[in-house]
Protein backbone atom coordinates (compact mmCIF):
# COMPACT_ATOMS: atom_id res chain seq x y z
CA MET A 1 0.00 0.00 0.00
CA VAL A 2 1.29 3.48 -0.85
CA GLN A 3 1.50 5.82 2.09
CA ILE A 4 1.44 9.59 1.55
CA PHE A 5 3.17 11.63 4.21
CA PRO A 6 1.35 14.82 5.26
CA GLN A 7 4.26 17.25 5.02
CA SER A 8 5.02 19.29 1.96
CA LEU A 9 8.72 19.96 1.39
CA ASP A 10 10.83 21.50 -1.29
CA LEU A 11 13.37 19.30 -3.06
CA GLU A 12 16.36 20.53 -1.04
CA GLU A 13 14.64 19.65 2.24
CA PHE A 14 13.68 16.21 0.92
CA LEU A 15 17.25 15.46 -0.18
CA LYS A 16 18.50 16.25 3.34
CA LEU A 17 16.26 13.57 4.87
CA PRO A 18 17.84 10.21 5.78
CA GLU A 19 17.20 7.15 3.61
CA THR A 20 14.14 5.13 4.59
CA LYS A 21 13.06 1.53 4.13
CA PRO A 22 10.92 1.10 2.17
CA ALA A 23 12.19 3.95 0.04
CA THR A 24 10.32 7.21 -0.34
CA GLU A 25 9.88 9.30 -3.47
CA TYR A 26 9.43 13.03 -3.96
CA ILE A 27 6.48 13.74 -6.27
CA ASN A 28 4.68 17.09 -6.57
CA ARG A 29 6.19 18.41 -3.32
CA GLU A 30 4.93 15.34 -1.40
CA ILE A 31 6.83 12.45 0.10
CA ILE A 32 5.33 9.17 -1.06
CA GLN A 33 6.36 5.73 0.13
CA ALA A 34 7.53 3.68 -2.85
CA PHE A 35 5.79 0.39 -3.46
CA LEU A 36 7.64 -2.89 -3.15
CA PRO A 37 7.77 -4.62 -6.55
CA LYS A 38 6.11 -8.01 -6.88
CA THR A 39 7.31 -10.99 -8.92
CA CYS A 40 5.05 -10.05 -11.83
CA HIS A 41 6.51 -6.54 -11.86
CA SER A 42 10.06 -7.94 -11.93
CA ARG A 43 9.25 -10.20 -14.87
CA LEU A 44 7.69 -7.35 -16.80
CA GLN A 45 10.69 -5.15 -16.06
CA ARG A 46 13.10 -7.82 -17.37
CA LYS A 47 11.07 -8.22 -20.58
CA LEU A 48 11.01 -4.47 -21.09
CA VAL A 49 14.78 -4.17 -20.61
CA ARG A 50 15.42 -7.04 -23.03
CA THR A 51 13.16 -5.43 -25.64
CA ILE A 52 14.84 -2.05 -25.28
CA ASN A 53 18.29 -3.64 -25.53
CA ARG A 54 17.27 -5.57 -28.66
CA VAL A 55 15.91 -2.44 -30.36
CA ILE A 56 19.06 -0.47 -29.50
CA ALA A 57 21.32 -3.29 -30.77
CA GLU A 58 19.47 -3.31 -34.11
CA ARG A 59 20.36 0.35 -34.80
């Protein structure tokens, strides 16, 4: 589940924060907890990378 933190920060303030687990992302001045990828997501990501690499190699 994605958790949205209530504070609104500018980018400099966000970059000063310590790393968190799970990771957080800075989107539209909000800190959002990143989702943990599932097995299906990992498979899709691998297929996408292979496709991109194949297209680049063909150029």
